[in-house]
Amino acid sequence: MTADHDHQPFPATIGQITAAFFRLGLTAFGGPAMVAYIRALAVREKQWLSDASFQRGIALCQTIPGATAMQAAAYAGLRAGGPWGGVAAYVAFGLPAFLLMLALSILYSRGHALPAVISLFAGLQVIVVALVANATINFGRKYLKSGRDMGLALLIALFLGFGGSPIIAIVCAALAALVLYRADGQTQPPQAPPPPLAWSRLRPALYLAGACLGALLLLFVLDRTLFVLAVLMMKIDFFAFGGGFASVPLLFHEIVSVHHWMDNKTLMDGIALGQVTPGPIVITATFAGYLLSGLTGAVVGTVFIFTPSLFLLFLVTPLFDRLHHSVPFRRAMRGILVSFVGLLLSVTIHFGLAVHWRPVSILIGAAALAALFRKVNILYVVLAGAAVSIILL
């Protein structure tokens, strides 16, 4: 039985969804590559939804900001068990990453001054430069299709290089795309009118928004630092179009450049730790929150960097057909995705300048980039780089 409808009965209980996605989350290495495993679990093994429904969900997840694999898990849970099923899948899939990242953050805060740890992270920072450079190349190959795309991406990179805000850059890119790609939209065949919207389907998004606003108000009253952290993390996730790596320029701008909570190298350490945990790269929020305000900060940072993605999934699922039919929306999305090539290029340069380059570190970085280019699993690249760094650096 499948769950392509939006009413009861659903084919799975909350307990079944939680258990299945927690087990999957324990091995959720590889970011977007996990989508295939989520499909195997929800479509083939459990038969909670049809393959056609899952494919529509993936198209939706690629349209909205946030970590694609996390949203794919939530979408499968939503179809299998309704809104609470979506919440259960989302939390269970991300929980192993949070727990491991929290443990690593505690160890880092207590031992990062030890000589072996210094050598380890000196090498891992080089690996992070290779990771972000590889993400820049992949984004560029996927989204830069014309001279206009390249020009827009370079303008965005220059804007950030002179201290501009990534969020302003994203908004400007979306507005510029409405003009730059206007002729492209005129060549597309006319679309059938979208189906009518059932407003009752927006209730889960509204409930989640209400709960989030209540939590923000409580933090504002109890601890202004945690309130600022929560708002910052929400802002990052709301603008992380294109998957988890799109959050890196936003993390860098907000945490390093604006609030000065840590320097380049410390953020790079957090990103490196995020790559040896299952789950998306935005789990770096756990690291940042812990270093800022201990266990409470880790929980707040994690909850609020993942909440916008879930809210948008609940909001956009009923609206997706309408958005998919909108030519201006597709143009704006193209501009946003092109802008992230420029954003990632700028961060690659910033991170590269933060590294103390030596012949050995250059070789480690080149080997890591070559391995990533050949589609070697990120976890293996990071672990191998860590081992070599301890020995040689």
Protein backbone atom coordinates (compact mmCIF):
# COMPACT_ATOMS: atom_id res chain seq x y z
CA MET A 1 0.00 0.00 0.00
CA THR A 2 1.27 3.47 -0.81
CA ALA A 3 0.62 6.87 0.72
CA ASP A 4 0.31 9.21 -2.24
CA HIS A 5 -2.82 10.67 -0.68
CA ASP A 6 -2.86 13.26 2.09
CA HIS A 7 -5.32 11.66 4.50
CA GLN A 8 -5.48 8.63 6.78
CA PRO A 9 -4.90 5.76 6.83
CA PHE A 10 -1.12 5.96 6.41
CA PRO A 11 0.93 2.81 5.85
CA ALA A 12 3.36 3.27 8.75
CA THR A 13 3.25 4.17 12.43
CA ILE A 14 5.39 6.91 14.00
CA GLY A 15 7.41 4.23 15.82
CA GLN A 16 8.14 2.33 12.60
CA ILE A 17 9.21 5.52 10.82
CA THR A 18 11.42 6.61 13.72
CA ALA A 19 13.17 3.25 14.01
CA ALA A 20 13.75 2.89 10.27
CA PHE A 21 15.19 6.38 9.78
CA PHE A 22 17.31 6.28 12.93
CA ARG A 23 19.00 3.11 11.66
CA LEU A 24 19.51 4.73 8.27
CA GLY A 25 20.84 7.90 9.90
CA LEU A 26 23.63 5.92 11.61
CA THR A 27 25.24 5.38 8.20
CA ALA A 28 24.13 8.58 6.46
CA PHE A 29 27.52 9.53 5.03
CA GLY A 30 27.81 11.18 1.64
CA GLY A 31 25.18 13.95 1.82
CA PRO A 32 22.89 13.91 -1.24
CA ALA A 33 24.13 10.40 -2.10
CA MET A 34 21.90 9.18 0.74
CA VAL A 35 18.81 9.97 -1.33
CA ALA A 36 19.25 6.65 -3.12
CA TYR A 37 19.25 4.79 0.21
CA ILE A 38 16.17 6.67 1.40
CA ARG A 39 14.42 5.65 -1.81
CA ALA A 40 15.47 2.02 -1.31
CA LEU A 41 14.08 2.07 2.24
CA ALA A 42 10.82 3.94 1.68
CA VAL A 43 9.90 2.76 -1.84
CA ARG A 44 11.39 -0.71 -2.32
CA GLU A 45 11.80 -2.18 1.16
CA LYS A 46 8.89 -0.68 3.11
CA GLN A 47 6.66 0.29 0.15
CA TRP A 48 5.46 3.35 2.03
CA LEU A 49 5.10 5.40 -1.17
CA SER A 50 5.39 4.94 -4.90
CA ASP A 51 8.50 5.69 -6.91
CA ALA A 52 6.64 8.42 -8.82
CA SER A 53 5.67 10.12 -5.55
CA PHE A 54 9.25 9.89 -4.27
CA GLN A 55 10.61 11.43 -7.49
CA ARG A 56 8.18 14.35 -7.13
CA GLY A 57 9.45 14.78 -3.60
CA ILE A 58 13.08 14.91 -4.73
CA ALA A 59 12.22 17.59 -7.31
CA LEU A 60 10.55 19.56 -4.52
CA CYS A 61 13.53 19.16 -2.16
CA GLN A 62 15.91 20.41 -4.84
CA THR A 63 13.76 23.51 -5.30
CA ILE A 64 13.76 24.69 -1.69
CA PRO A 65 16.75 25.56 0.52
CA GLY A 66 18.20 23.07 2.97
CA ALA A 67 19.98 19.72 3.08
CA THR A 68 18.46 17.56 0.34
CA ALA A 69 18.90 14.19 2.08
CA MET A 70 17.30 15.43 5.31
CA GLN A 71 14.35 16.83 3.39
CA ALA A 72 14.00 13.63 1.35
CA ALA A 73 13.75 11.68 4.61
CA ALA A 74 11.11 14.09 5.91
CA TYR A 75 9.17 13.88 2.65
CA ALA A 76 9.12 10.07 2.81
CA GLY A 77 8.00 10.26 6.43
CA LEU A 78 5.30 12.78 5.52
CA ARG A 79 3.87 10.48 2.87
CA ALA A 80 4.20 7.40 5.11
CA GLY A 81 2.79 8.84 8.34
CA GLY A 82 1.44 12.35 7.80
CA PRO A 83 2.96 15.50 9.35
CA TRP A 84 4.09 13.70 12.52
CA GLY A 85 5.66 11.04 10.32
CA GLY A 86 7.60 13.79 8.55
CA VAL A 87 8.82 15.18 11.87
CA ALA A 88 9.75 11.69 13.12
CA ALA A 89 11.75 10.84 9.98
CA TYR A 90 13.50 14.22 10.01
CA VAL A 91 14.53 14.04 13.66
CA ALA A 92 15.46 10.34 13.64
CA PHE A 93 17.55 10.66 10.48
CA GLY A 94 19.54 13.61 11.86
CA LEU A 95 19.86 12.48 15.49
CA PRO A 96 22.93 10.19 15.06
CA ALA A 97 24.84 13.03 13.39
CA PHE A 98 23.94 15.42 16.21
CA LEU A 99 25.01 13.00 18.95
CA LEU A 100 28.34 12.20 17.31
CA MET A 101 29.06 15.84 16.46
CA LEU A 102 28.29 16.84 20.04
CA ALA A 103 30.76 14.25 21.34
CA LEU A 104 33.44 15.41 18.88
CA SER A 105 32.83 19.05 19.81
CA ILE A 106 33.35 18.25 23.50
CA LEU A 107 36.59 16.40 22.72
CA TYR A 108 37.74 19.25 20.47
CA SER A 109 37.15 21.91 23.11
CA ARG A 110 39.21 19.94 25.63
CA GLY A 111 42.09 18.71 23.49
CA HIS A 112 42.59 20.95 20.45
CA ALA A 113 45.84 22.39 21.88
CA LEU A 114 47.60 18.99 22.01
CA PRO A 115 50.42 18.60 19.43
CA ALA A 116 48.87 15.55 17.72
CA VAL A 117 45.52 17.33 17.50
CA ILE A 118 47.18 20.44 16.05
CA SER A 119 48.77 18.29 13.33
CA LEU A 120 45.49 16.52 12.70
CA PHE A 121 43.53 19.72 12.16
CA ALA A 122 46.30 21.34 10.14
CA GLY A 123 45.74 18.56 7.63
CA LEU A 124 41.97 18.58 7.94
CA GLN A 125 41.86 22.30 7.15
CA VAL A 126 43.58 21.50 3.85
CA ILE A 127 40.95 18.80 3.25
CA VAL A 128 38.21 21.37 3.88
CA VAL A 129 39.70 23.66 1.23
CA ALA A 130 39.60 20.71 -1.18
CA LEU A 131 36.00 19.90 -0.17
CA VAL A 132 34.78 23.44 -0.78
CA ALA A 133 36.79 23.73 -4.01
CA ASN A 134 35.26 20.48 -5.23
CA ALA A 135 31.78 21.75 -4.33
CA THR A 136 32.53 24.94 -6.31
CA ILE A 137 33.56 22.90 -9.35
CA ASN A 138 30.48 20.66 -9.09
CA PHE A 139 28.13 23.62 -8.72
CA GLY A 140 29.84 25.32 -11.64
CA ARG A 141 29.55 22.32 -13.93
CA LYS A 142 25.89 21.90 -13.03
CA TYR A 143 24.66 25.50 -13.11
CA LEU A 144 27.00 27.57 -15.31
CA LYS A 145 25.62 26.98 -18.80
CA SER A 146 26.30 30.30 -20.51
CA GLY A 147 28.40 33.45 -20.42
CA ARG A 148 25.63 35.19 -18.49
CA ASP A 149 25.83 32.52 -15.79
CA MET A 150 29.60 32.88 -15.51
CA GLY A 151 29.40 36.66 -15.41
CA LEU A 152 26.78 36.62 -12.67
CA ALA A 153 28.80 34.11 -10.61
CA LEU A 154 31.97 36.21 -10.89
CA LEU A 155 30.12 39.38 -9.88
CA ILE A 156 28.81 37.61 -6.80
CA ALA A 157 32.31 36.37 -5.92
CA LEU A 158 33.73 39.90 -6.27
CA PHE A 159 30.90 41.32 -4.16
CA LEU A 160 31.73 38.89 -1.35
CA GLY A 161 35.44 39.50 -1.78
CA PHE A 162 34.83 43.16 -0.92
CA GLY A 163 32.89 42.25 2.21
CA GLY A 164 29.35 42.03 0.85
CA SER A 165 26.61 40.00 2.52
CA PRO A 166 25.80 36.59 0.98
CA ILE A 167 22.08 37.10 1.61
CA ILE A 168 22.10 40.42 -0.26
CA ALA A 169 24.03 38.65 -3.04
CA ILE A 170 21.43 35.87 -3.26
CA VAL A 171 18.51 38.31 -3.39
CA CYS A 172 20.22 40.47 -6.03
CA ALA A 173 21.03 37.38 -8.11
CA ALA A 174 17.37 36.31 -8.03
CA LEU A 175 16.23 39.78 -9.13
CA ALA A 176 18.90 40.01 -11.83
CA ALA A 177 17.89 36.60 -13.18
CA LEU A 178 14.35 37.85 -13.85
CA VAL A 179 15.89 40.13 -16.47
CA LEU A 180 18.92 38.11 -17.60
CA TYR A 181 16.93 34.96 -18.39
CA ARG A 182 13.73 36.58 -19.61
CA ALA A 183 14.24 35.48 -23.21
CA ASP A 184 14.84 31.87 -22.11
CA GLY A 185 11.41 31.63 -20.49
CA GLN A 186 9.70 32.82 -23.68
CA THR A 187 10.84 29.73 -25.59
CA GLN A 188 9.16 27.26 -23.23
CA PRO A 189 5.78 25.72 -24.17
CA PRO A 190 2.74 26.98 -22.26
CA GLN A 191 1.94 25.10 -19.06
CA ALA A 192 -1.44 23.78 -18.00
CA PRO A 193 -3.01 25.74 -15.14
CA PRO A 194 -1.98 24.48 -11.69
CA PRO A 195 -4.48 22.54 -9.59
CA PRO A 196 -6.47 24.37 -6.89
CA LEU A 197 -4.87 24.70 -3.48
CA ALA A 198 -6.45 23.12 -0.40
CA TRP A 199 -5.56 25.61 2.34
CA SER A 200 -6.06 23.00 5.05
CA ARG A 201 -2.87 21.30 3.84
CA LEU A 202 -0.88 24.32 5.05
CA ARG A 203 -1.81 23.70 8.70
CA PRO A 204 1.33 21.65 9.58
CA ALA A 205 3.56 24.48 8.34
CA LEU A 206 1.58 27.04 10.34
CA TYR A 207 1.73 24.93 13.51
CA LEU A 208 5.49 24.49 13.12
CA ALA A 209 5.93 28.22 12.53
CA GLY A 210 3.93 28.97 15.68
CA ALA A 211 6.04 26.58 17.76
CA CYS A 212 9.23 28.10 16.37
CA LEU A 213 8.11 31.66 17.13
CA GLY A 214 7.19 30.61 20.66
CA ALA A 215 10.65 29.09 21.17
CA LEU A 216 12.32 32.23 19.82
CA LEU A 217 10.30 34.41 22.20
CA LEU A 218 11.35 32.21 25.12
CA LEU A 219 15.02 32.45 24.13
CA PHE A 220 14.70 36.23 23.76
CA VAL A 221 13.49 36.44 27.36
CA LEU A 222 15.92 33.93 28.87
CA ASP A 223 19.20 34.32 26.93
CA ARG A 224 19.86 36.93 24.24
CA THR A 225 23.01 35.14 23.00
CA LEU A 226 21.05 31.96 22.33
CA PHE A 227 18.31 34.04 20.69
CA VAL A 228 20.86 35.59 18.30
CA LEU A 229 22.32 32.12 17.59
CA ALA A 230 18.86 30.75 16.80
CA VAL A 231 17.96 33.62 14.46
CA LEU A 232 21.34 33.36 12.73
CA MET A 233 20.98 29.62 12.13
CA MET A 234 17.47 30.04 10.78
CA LYS A 235 18.66 32.73 8.41
CA ILE A 236 21.44 30.47 7.13
CA ASP A 237 19.08 27.58 6.41
CA PHE A 238 16.43 29.78 4.79
CA PHE A 239 18.98 30.87 2.17
CA ALA A 240 20.92 27.61 1.67
CA PHE A 241 19.57 26.81 -1.80
CA GLY A 242 21.27 23.94 -3.60
CA GLY A 243 21.99 21.62 -0.67
CA GLY A 244 24.18 21.50 2.42
CA PHE A 245 27.37 22.95 0.92
CA ALA A 246 25.44 26.10 0.05
CA SER A 247 25.35 26.85 3.78
CA VAL A 248 29.16 27.14 4.02
CA PRO A 249 29.43 30.73 2.67
CA LEU A 250 26.58 31.77 4.95
CA LEU A 251 28.15 30.10 8.00
CA PHE A 252 31.45 31.78 7.24
CA HIS A 253 29.89 35.23 6.81
CA GLU A 254 27.71 35.12 9.92
CA ILE A 255 29.92 33.24 12.38
CA VAL A 256 33.36 34.53 11.37
CA SER A 257 32.88 37.89 9.65
CA VAL A 258 29.83 39.36 11.39
CA HIS A 259 29.73 37.95 14.93
CA HIS A 260 33.42 36.95 15.32
CA TRP A 261 32.47 33.90 17.39
CA MET A 262 35.42 31.99 15.93
CA ASP A 263 38.16 32.44 13.35
CA ASN A 264 38.53 30.88 9.91
CA LYS A 265 40.58 27.96 11.13
CA THR A 266 38.22 27.00 13.94
CA LEU A 267 35.23 27.01 11.58
CA MET A 268 37.22 24.84 9.17
CA ASP A 269 37.88 22.43 12.04
CA GLY A 270 34.14 22.26 12.65
CA ILE A 271 33.44 21.60 8.98
CA ALA A 272 36.07 18.84 9.00
CA LEU A 273 34.47 17.22 12.04
CA GLY A 274 31.13 17.43 10.27
CA GLN A 275 32.54 15.31 7.47
CA VAL A 276 33.39 12.40 9.76
CA THR A 277 29.85 12.31 11.13
CA PRO A 278 26.79 11.02 9.31
CA GLY A 279 24.35 13.64 8.11
CA PRO A 280 24.64 16.96 6.25
CA ILE A 281 27.44 19.51 6.47
CA VAL A 282 25.14 21.93 8.32
CA ILE A 283 25.65 19.75 11.40
CA THR A 284 28.57 22.16 11.87
CA ALA A 285 25.91 24.24 13.66
CA THR A 286 26.21 21.81 16.58
CA PHE A 287 29.94 22.53 16.80
CA ALA A 288 29.45 26.31 16.58
CA GLY A 289 26.69 26.26 19.17
CA TYR A 290 28.71 24.16 21.59
CA LEU A 291 31.79 26.38 21.37
CA LEU A 292 29.59 29.44 21.90
CA SER A 293 27.37 28.25 24.74
CA GLY A 294 28.00 24.62 25.68
CA LEU A 295 25.36 21.90 25.48
CA THR A 296 22.45 24.36 25.35
CA GLY A 297 24.10 26.21 22.49
CA ALA A 298 24.65 22.94 20.61
CA VAL A 299 20.97 22.03 20.94
CA VAL A 300 19.75 25.51 19.97
CA GLY A 301 22.13 25.76 17.00
CA THR A 302 21.10 22.35 15.70
CA VAL A 303 17.36 22.74 16.17
CA PHE A 304 17.19 26.13 14.52
CA ILE A 305 19.39 25.34 11.54
CA PHE A 306 17.16 22.38 10.69
CA THR A 307 13.73 23.85 11.47
CA PRO A 308 13.43 26.13 8.38
CA SER A 309 14.01 23.19 6.02
CA LEU A 310 11.20 21.22 7.61
CA PHE A 311 8.90 24.26 7.66
CA LEU A 312 9.54 24.92 3.96
CA LEU A 313 8.90 21.27 3.12
CA PHE A 314 5.53 21.38 4.87
CA LEU A 315 4.73 24.74 3.28
CA VAL A 316 5.84 24.04 -0.27
CA THR A 317 4.52 20.48 -0.66
CA PRO A 318 0.94 21.72 -1.24
CA LEU A 319 2.23 24.69 -3.29
CA PHE A 320 4.77 22.85 -5.42
CA ASP A 321 2.64 22.46 -8.53
CA ARG A 322 1.93 26.18 -8.55
CA LEU A 323 5.60 27.12 -8.08
CA HIS A 324 6.68 24.60 -10.72
CA HIS A 325 4.34 26.29 -13.23
CA SER A 326 5.73 29.78 -12.55
CA VAL A 327 8.25 30.97 -15.16
CA PRO A 328 9.46 33.91 -13.01
CA PHE A 329 10.04 31.53 -10.10
CA ARG A 330 12.16 29.22 -12.28
CA ARG A 331 14.19 32.19 -13.54
CA ALA A 332 14.82 33.43 -9.99
CA MET A 333 15.85 29.92 -8.90
CA ARG A 334 18.35 29.75 -11.75
CA GLY A 335 19.90 33.02 -10.61
CA ILE A 336 20.07 31.84 -6.99
CA LEU A 337 21.79 28.58 -7.91
CA VAL A 338 24.27 30.41 -10.17
CA SER A 339 25.02 32.81 -7.31
CA PHE A 340 26.15 29.92 -5.11
CA VAL A 341 28.99 29.17 -7.51
CA GLY A 342 30.28 32.67 -6.79
CA LEU A 343 29.65 32.30 -3.07
CA LEU A 344 31.54 29.01 -2.89
CA LEU A 345 34.40 30.39 -4.99
CA SER A 346 34.77 33.30 -2.57
CA VAL A 347 34.80 30.99 0.47
CA THR A 348 37.32 28.65 -1.20
CA ILE A 349 39.69 31.62 -1.54
CA HIS A 350 39.07 32.78 2.06
CA PHE A 351 39.69 29.30 3.45
CA GLY A 352 42.73 28.82 1.23
CA LEU A 353 44.29 32.03 2.55
CA ALA A 354 43.70 30.87 6.13
CA VAL A 355 45.84 27.73 5.68
CA HIS A 356 49.58 27.71 6.33
CA TRP A 357 50.66 26.01 3.09
CA ARG A 358 53.72 23.77 3.05
CA PRO A 359 54.84 21.27 0.41
CA VAL A 360 53.25 18.39 2.35
CA SER A 361 49.94 20.23 2.82
CA ILE A 362 49.88 21.13 -0.88
CA LEU A 363 50.28 17.44 -1.74
CA ILE A 364 47.55 16.45 0.74
CA GLY A 365 45.19 19.06 -0.71
CA ALA A 366 45.90 18.06 -4.31
CA ALA A 367 45.43 14.36 -3.51
CA ALA A 368 42.18 15.08 -1.68
CA LEU A 369 40.82 17.18 -4.56
CA ALA A 370 41.79 14.49 -7.08
CA ALA A 371 40.08 11.81 -4.97
CA LEU A 372 36.91 13.88 -4.62
CA PHE A 373 36.95 14.58 -8.35
CA ARG A 374 37.00 10.82 -8.94
CA LYS A 375 33.93 10.45 -6.65
CA VAL A 376 35.75 8.78 -3.75
CA ASN A 377 33.50 8.84 -0.64
CA ILE A 378 34.07 12.02 1.41
CA LEU A 379 34.41 10.02 4.63
CA TYR A 380 37.33 8.01 3.23
CA VAL A 381 39.03 11.18 1.98
CA VAL A 382 38.75 12.84 5.39
CA LEU A 383 39.93 9.78 7.33
CA ALA A 384 42.89 9.22 5.00
CA GLY A 385 43.80 12.90 5.19
CA ALA A 386 43.63 12.79 8.99
CA ALA A 387 45.95 9.78 9.15
CA VAL A 388 48.51 11.31 6.80
CA SER A 389 48.38 14.65 8.65
CA ILE A 390 49.19 13.09 12.03
CA ILE A 391 52.21 11.32 10.52
CA LEU A 392 53.63 14.05 8.28
CA LEU A 393 52.57 17.44 9.66
